[in-house]
Amino acid sequence: MFRVQEVPPAIVRLEFAGGMSAADEAAYLDTLNRLSTRDTPFVVVALMDGGNPLTPEGRKRQALWFKRSRERLRACCRGLVRVPSGDAREGLGDEALAKALPFPLAHAASEAEAMRIAHSLLAGGR
């Protein structure tokens, strides 16, 4: 399941739980496209259960989106805060991901902690 929610003032909450259907993957990729059109600062909080692999085509589309959106994200995205649970805590590829992102990557043990980090990033913190 994939869900997206806007949390004021400018936090985009993505939830991945219980696997991804084709419709979930399409909704996720559509959400990415909408994020790259934003012109005001935002932070992404991603709640991840580790059981949500994209299809090979989905991974390809995600990579192409990132490549074409990188500079736009540099301008508006203030950070990504990941909240892995259970098995998702292992093997996140953090080092490679952090190097690739044009904004800060943080991790939190809970959604409440992630929201505190997100608010700090929006306020200009790291």
N, C-alpha and C. Protein backbone atom coordinates (compact mmCIF):
# COMPACT_ATOMS: atom_id res chain seq x y z
N MET A 1 0.82 -1.17 0.00
CA MET A 1 0.00 0.00 0.00
C MET A 1 0.88 1.25 0.00
N PHE A 2 0.46 2.23 -0.75
CA PHE A 2 1.12 3.52 -0.77
C PHE A 2 0.08 4.59 -0.48
N ARG A 3 0.45 5.51 0.41
CA ARG A 3 -0.41 6.66 0.71
C ARG A 3 0.45 7.91 0.77
N VAL A 4 -0.13 9.01 0.33
CA VAL A 4 0.54 10.30 0.42
C VAL A 4 -0.39 11.26 1.15
N GLN A 5 0.20 12.11 1.98
CA GLN A 5 -0.58 13.07 2.76
C GLN A 5 0.23 14.35 2.90
N GLU A 6 -0.41 15.48 2.74
CA GLU A 6 0.22 16.78 3.00
C GLU A 6 0.01 17.12 4.46
N VAL A 7 1.10 17.42 5.16
CA VAL A 7 1.03 17.79 6.57
C VAL A 7 1.53 19.23 6.67
N PRO A 8 0.67 20.16 7.06
CA PRO A 8 1.09 21.56 7.15
C PRO A 8 2.25 21.72 8.12
N PRO A 9 3.21 22.61 7.83
CA PRO A 9 3.12 23.61 6.78
C PRO A 9 3.59 23.13 5.41
N ALA A 10 4.55 22.25 5.32
CA ALA A 10 5.07 21.85 4.01
C ALA A 10 5.76 20.49 4.07
N ILE A 11 5.11 19.55 4.71
CA ILE A 11 5.67 18.20 4.83
C ILE A 11 4.83 17.26 3.98
N VAL A 12 5.51 16.48 3.16
CA VAL A 12 4.84 15.48 2.33
C VAL A 12 5.14 14.13 2.97
N ARG A 13 4.09 13.51 3.48
CA ARG A 13 4.22 12.23 4.20
C ARG A 13 3.89 11.10 3.23
N LEU A 14 4.88 10.24 3.00
CA LEU A 14 4.70 9.08 2.14
C LEU A 14 4.70 7.84 3.03
N GLU A 15 3.71 6.99 2.86
CA GLU A 15 3.64 5.76 3.66
C GLU A 15 3.64 4.56 2.73
N PHE A 16 4.56 3.65 2.99
CA PHE A 16 4.69 2.40 2.25
C PHE A 16 4.46 1.27 3.24
N ALA A 17 3.39 0.50 3.06
CA ALA A 17 3.10 -0.57 4.02
C ALA A 17 2.40 -1.72 3.32
N GLY A 18 2.85 -2.93 3.58
CA GLY A 18 2.15 -4.10 3.11
C GLY A 18 2.28 -4.41 1.63
N GLY A 19 3.31 -3.98 1.00
CA GLY A 19 3.51 -4.30 -0.41
C GLY A 19 2.93 -3.23 -1.33
N MET A 20 3.36 -3.27 -2.59
CA MET A 20 2.94 -2.27 -3.57
C MET A 20 2.22 -2.96 -4.72
N SER A 21 1.00 -2.53 -4.96
CA SER A 21 0.27 -3.01 -6.14
C SER A 21 0.68 -2.15 -7.33
N ALA A 22 0.23 -2.53 -8.51
CA ALA A 22 0.51 -1.73 -9.71
C ALA A 22 -0.09 -0.33 -9.55
N ALA A 23 -1.27 -0.25 -8.95
CA ALA A 23 -1.91 1.06 -8.72
C ALA A 23 -1.11 1.89 -7.72
N ASP A 24 -0.58 1.23 -6.67
CA ASP A 24 0.26 1.93 -5.69
C ASP A 24 1.50 2.50 -6.36
N GLU A 25 2.15 1.67 -7.18
CA GLU A 25 3.36 2.12 -7.86
C GLU A 25 3.05 3.32 -8.77
N ALA A 26 1.95 3.26 -9.49
CA ALA A 26 1.56 4.37 -10.36
C ALA A 26 1.29 5.63 -9.54
N ALA A 27 0.62 5.48 -8.40
CA ALA A 27 0.35 6.63 -7.53
C ALA A 27 1.64 7.22 -6.97
N TYR A 28 2.58 6.36 -6.59
CA TYR A 28 3.87 6.82 -6.09
C TYR A 28 4.62 7.61 -7.17
N LEU A 29 4.69 7.07 -8.37
CA LEU A 29 5.40 7.75 -9.45
C LEU A 29 4.71 9.06 -9.82
N ASP A 30 3.39 9.10 -9.75
CA ASP A 30 2.66 10.35 -9.98
C ASP A 30 2.98 11.36 -8.89
N THR A 31 3.09 10.90 -7.66
CA THR A 31 3.45 11.79 -6.55
C THR A 31 4.83 12.39 -6.78
N LEU A 32 5.77 11.58 -7.24
CA LEU A 32 7.10 12.12 -7.54
C LEU A 32 7.00 13.22 -8.59
N ASN A 33 6.22 12.99 -9.63
CA ASN A 33 6.07 14.02 -10.67
C ASN A 33 5.49 15.30 -10.10
N ARG A 34 4.52 15.19 -9.21
CA ARG A 34 3.93 16.38 -8.60
C ARG A 34 4.92 17.09 -7.69
N LEU A 35 5.78 16.33 -7.00
CA LEU A 35 6.79 16.96 -6.14
C LEU A 35 7.75 17.82 -6.96
N SER A 36 8.08 17.37 -8.14
CA SER A 36 9.05 18.12 -8.95
C SER A 36 8.45 19.37 -9.58
N THR A 37 7.15 19.60 -9.41
CA THR A 37 6.55 20.83 -9.92
C THR A 37 6.33 21.86 -8.81
N ARG A 38 6.60 21.49 -7.59
CA ARG A 38 6.41 22.43 -6.47
C ARG A 38 7.41 23.56 -6.58
N ASP A 39 6.98 24.75 -6.18
CA ASP A 39 7.89 25.89 -6.23
C ASP A 39 8.09 26.53 -4.86
N THR A 40 7.65 25.84 -3.82
CA THR A 40 7.88 26.30 -2.46
C THR A 40 8.59 25.18 -1.69
N PRO A 41 9.34 25.54 -0.64
CA PRO A 41 10.09 24.54 0.12
C PRO A 41 9.19 23.47 0.74
N PHE A 42 9.72 22.24 0.78
CA PHE A 42 9.01 21.13 1.39
C PHE A 42 10.02 20.11 1.88
N VAL A 43 9.56 19.22 2.77
CA VAL A 43 10.35 18.09 3.27
C VAL A 43 9.51 16.84 3.07
N VAL A 44 10.15 15.76 2.70
CA VAL A 44 9.48 14.47 2.55
C VAL A 44 9.79 13.60 3.77
N VAL A 45 8.74 13.05 4.36
CA VAL A 45 8.87 12.06 5.42
C VAL A 45 8.35 10.75 4.84
N ALA A 46 9.20 9.73 4.80
CA ALA A 46 8.85 8.44 4.21
C ALA A 46 8.81 7.36 5.29
N LEU A 47 7.62 6.82 5.53
CA LEU A 47 7.43 5.71 6.46
C LEU A 47 7.52 4.43 5.65
N MET A 48 8.52 3.59 5.95
CA MET A 48 8.83 2.45 5.09
C MET A 48 8.83 1.16 5.89
N ASP A 49 8.12 0.15 5.36
CA ASP A 49 8.12 -1.13 6.05
C ASP A 49 9.07 -2.15 5.43
N GLY A 50 9.73 -1.77 4.36
CA GLY A 50 10.71 -2.66 3.75
C GLY A 50 10.14 -3.66 2.78
N GLY A 51 8.83 -3.76 2.67
CA GLY A 51 8.23 -4.73 1.77
C GLY A 51 7.62 -4.11 0.53
N ASN A 52 8.24 -3.05 0.03
CA ASN A 52 7.63 -2.29 -1.06
C ASN A 52 8.54 -2.13 -2.27
N PRO A 53 9.07 -3.19 -2.79
CA PRO A 53 9.97 -3.02 -3.94
C PRO A 53 9.19 -2.56 -5.17
N LEU A 54 9.79 -1.64 -5.88
CA LEU A 54 9.23 -1.23 -7.16
C LEU A 54 9.55 -2.31 -8.18
N THR A 55 8.76 -2.38 -9.21
CA THR A 55 9.05 -3.27 -10.33
C THR A 55 10.30 -2.74 -11.03
N PRO A 56 10.95 -3.54 -11.85
CA PRO A 56 12.10 -3.01 -12.61
C PRO A 56 11.72 -1.77 -13.42
N GLU A 57 10.54 -1.78 -14.03
CA GLU A 57 10.08 -0.61 -14.79
C GLU A 57 9.86 0.59 -13.86
N GLY A 58 9.32 0.34 -12.68
CA GLY A 58 9.12 1.41 -11.70
C GLY A 58 10.43 2.00 -11.24
N ARG A 59 11.43 1.15 -10.99
CA ARG A 59 12.76 1.65 -10.60
C ARG A 59 13.37 2.50 -11.71
N LYS A 60 13.19 2.06 -12.95
CA LYS A 60 13.70 2.82 -14.09
C LYS A 60 13.02 4.18 -14.17
N ARG A 61 11.71 4.19 -14.03
CA ARG A 61 10.97 5.46 -14.10
C ARG A 61 11.36 6.38 -12.94
N GLN A 62 11.57 5.80 -11.75
CA GLN A 62 12.00 6.60 -10.60
C GLN A 62 13.37 7.22 -10.87
N ALA A 63 14.29 6.44 -11.40
CA ALA A 63 15.64 6.95 -11.70
C ALA A 63 15.59 8.05 -12.75
N LEU A 64 14.79 7.87 -13.79
CA LEU A 64 14.66 8.91 -14.82
C LEU A 64 14.04 10.17 -14.25
N TRP A 65 13.04 10.01 -13.39
CA TRP A 65 12.43 11.17 -12.74
C TRP A 65 13.47 11.93 -11.93
N PHE A 66 14.26 11.19 -11.15
CA PHE A 66 15.25 11.84 -10.31
C PHE A 66 16.26 12.60 -11.17
N LYS A 67 16.69 11.99 -12.24
CA LYS A 67 17.68 12.63 -13.12
C LYS A 67 17.13 13.94 -13.69
N ARG A 68 15.90 13.92 -14.16
CA ARG A 68 15.36 15.14 -14.77
C ARG A 68 14.89 16.15 -13.73
N SER A 69 14.68 15.73 -12.48
CA SER A 69 14.15 16.62 -11.44
C SER A 69 15.20 17.10 -10.45
N ARG A 70 16.40 16.62 -10.57
CA ARG A 70 17.44 16.88 -9.58
C ARG A 70 17.61 18.36 -9.25
N GLU A 71 17.74 19.21 -10.26
CA GLU A 71 17.96 20.64 -9.99
C GLU A 71 16.74 21.29 -9.37
N ARG A 72 15.57 20.89 -9.78
CA ARG A 72 14.34 21.43 -9.18
C ARG A 72 14.26 21.03 -7.71
N LEU A 73 14.62 19.80 -7.42
CA LEU A 73 14.62 19.33 -6.04
C LEU A 73 15.66 20.07 -5.21
N ARG A 74 16.80 20.35 -5.81
CA ARG A 74 17.85 21.11 -5.11
C ARG A 74 17.29 22.45 -4.64
N ALA A 75 16.43 23.05 -5.46
CA ALA A 75 15.89 24.37 -5.16
C ALA A 75 14.79 24.34 -4.09
N CYS A 76 13.99 23.28 -4.06
CA CYS A 76 12.80 23.31 -3.19
C CYS A 76 12.75 22.27 -2.09
N CYS A 77 13.35 21.12 -2.29
CA CYS A 77 13.27 20.08 -1.27
C CYS A 77 14.32 20.34 -0.19
N ARG A 78 13.87 20.45 1.04
CA ARG A 78 14.77 20.73 2.16
C ARG A 78 15.30 19.47 2.81
N GLY A 79 14.75 18.30 2.43
CA GLY A 79 15.26 17.07 3.00
C GLY A 79 14.30 15.91 2.87
N LEU A 80 14.86 14.73 3.10
CA LEU A 80 14.12 13.48 3.14
C LEU A 80 14.41 12.84 4.49
N VAL A 81 13.35 12.53 5.22
CA VAL A 81 13.49 11.85 6.51
C VAL A 81 12.83 10.49 6.37
N ARG A 82 13.62 9.45 6.53
CA ARG A 82 13.13 8.08 6.39
C ARG A 82 12.87 7.50 7.77
N VAL A 83 11.76 6.77 7.88
CA VAL A 83 11.40 6.08 9.12
C VAL A 83 11.24 4.61 8.77
N PRO A 84 12.35 3.88 8.78
CA PRO A 84 12.26 2.45 8.47
C PRO A 84 11.75 1.67 9.68
N SER A 85 11.03 0.60 9.40
CA SER A 85 10.56 -0.25 10.49
C SER A 85 11.03 -1.68 10.25
N GLY A 86 11.26 -2.39 11.33
CA GLY A 86 11.62 -3.81 11.24
C GLY A 86 12.74 -4.10 10.27
N ASP A 87 12.45 -4.96 9.28
CA ASP A 87 13.45 -5.38 8.31
C ASP A 87 13.93 -4.24 7.43
N ALA A 88 13.16 -3.17 7.33
CA ALA A 88 13.55 -2.06 6.47
C ALA A 88 14.75 -1.31 7.01
N ARG A 89 15.11 -1.54 8.27
CA ARG A 89 16.25 -0.82 8.86
C ARG A 89 17.58 -1.28 8.26
N GLU A 90 17.60 -2.46 7.70
CA GLU A 90 18.84 -3.00 7.13
C GLU A 90 18.90 -2.75 5.63
N GLY A 91 20.06 -2.47 5.13
CA GLY A 91 20.29 -2.41 3.70
C GLY A 91 19.59 -1.29 2.97
N LEU A 92 19.51 -0.11 3.57
CA LEU A 92 18.84 1.00 2.92
C LEU A 92 19.71 1.69 1.86
N GLY A 93 20.98 1.34 1.78
CA GLY A 93 21.85 1.99 0.80
C GLY A 93 22.05 3.46 1.12
N ASP A 94 22.12 3.78 2.39
CA ASP A 94 22.17 5.17 2.83
C ASP A 94 23.34 5.96 2.27
N GLU A 95 24.51 5.38 2.26
CA GLU A 95 25.69 6.13 1.83
C GLU A 95 25.57 6.54 0.37
N ALA A 96 25.23 5.62 -0.49
CA ALA A 96 25.08 5.94 -1.92
C ALA A 96 23.93 6.92 -2.13
N LEU A 97 22.82 6.70 -1.44
CA LEU A 97 21.68 7.59 -1.58
C LEU A 97 22.01 8.99 -1.10
N ALA A 98 22.65 9.11 0.05
CA ALA A 98 22.99 10.43 0.59
C ALA A 98 23.89 11.20 -0.38
N LYS A 99 24.81 10.52 -1.03
CA LYS A 99 25.69 11.18 -2.00
C LYS A 99 24.91 11.63 -3.24
N ALA A 100 23.90 10.89 -3.61
CA ALA A 100 23.14 11.20 -4.83
C ALA A 100 22.12 12.32 -4.63
N LEU A 101 21.66 12.49 -3.40
CA LEU A 101 20.59 13.46 -3.16
C LEU A 101 21.13 14.89 -3.10
N PRO A 102 20.39 15.83 -3.68
CA PRO A 102 20.80 17.23 -3.61
C PRO A 102 20.24 17.94 -2.37
N PHE A 103 19.82 17.17 -1.38
CA PHE A 103 19.26 17.70 -0.14
C PHE A 103 19.62 16.71 0.97
N PRO A 104 19.49 17.12 2.24
CA PRO A 104 19.86 16.25 3.35
C PRO A 104 18.98 15.00 3.46
N LEU A 105 19.60 13.92 3.89
CA LEU A 105 18.92 12.66 4.19
C LEU A 105 19.07 12.42 5.69
N ALA A 106 17.95 12.16 6.35
CA ALA A 106 17.97 11.88 7.78
C ALA A 106 17.14 10.62 8.04
N HIS A 107 17.37 10.03 9.20
CA HIS A 107 16.60 8.87 9.62
C HIS A 107 16.03 9.14 10.99
N ALA A 108 14.88 8.55 11.25
CA ALA A 108 14.22 8.71 12.54
C ALA A 108 13.70 7.36 12.98
N ALA A 109 13.60 7.18 14.28
CA ALA A 109 13.11 5.93 14.84
C ALA A 109 11.59 5.90 14.92
N SER A 110 10.96 7.07 14.81
CA SER A 110 9.50 7.14 14.90
C SER A 110 8.99 8.26 14.01
N GLU A 111 7.71 8.22 13.75
CA GLU A 111 7.11 9.29 12.95
C GLU A 111 7.19 10.62 13.70
N ALA A 112 6.99 10.61 15.00
CA ALA A 112 7.07 11.85 15.78
C ALA A 112 8.45 12.47 15.66
N GLU A 113 9.50 11.64 15.77
CA GLU A 113 10.86 12.15 15.61
C GLU A 113 11.08 12.67 14.19
N ALA A 114 10.55 11.97 13.21
CA ALA A 114 10.68 12.40 11.81
C ALA A 114 10.03 13.77 11.60
N MET A 115 8.89 14.00 12.21
CA MET A 115 8.21 15.28 12.07
C MET A 115 9.02 16.41 12.72
N ARG A 116 9.64 16.12 13.85
CA ARG A 116 10.50 17.13 14.49
C ARG A 116 11.67 17.48 13.58
N ILE A 117 12.29 16.46 12.99
CA ILE A 117 13.40 16.69 12.06
C ILE A 117 12.91 17.47 10.85
N ALA A 118 11.76 17.10 10.32
CA ALA A 118 11.21 17.78 9.14
C ALA A 118 10.97 19.27 9.43
N HIS A 119 10.40 19.58 10.58
CA HIS A 119 10.17 20.98 10.93
C HIS A 119 11.48 21.74 11.06
N SER A 120 12.49 21.08 11.62
CA SER A 120 13.82 21.71 11.73
C SER A 120 14.40 21.98 10.34
N LEU A 121 14.29 21.01 9.43
CA LEU A 121 14.79 21.21 8.07
C LEU A 121 14.05 22.35 7.37
N LEU A 122 12.76 22.44 7.58
CA LEU A 122 11.99 23.53 6.98
C LEU A 122 12.43 24.89 7.52
N ALA A 123 12.86 24.89 8.78
CA ALA A 123 13.29 26.13 9.41
C ALA A 123 14.74 26.48 9.08
N GLY A 124 15.35 25.65 8.24
CA GLY A 124 16.73 25.94 7.85
C GLY A 124 17.78 25.16 8.57
N GLY A 125 17.36 24.25 9.45
CA GLY A 125 18.30 23.42 10.18
C GLY A 125 18.75 22.23 9.37
N ARG A 126 19.60 21.43 9.95
CA ARG A 126 20.08 20.20 9.29
C ARG A 126 19.92 19.03 10.20
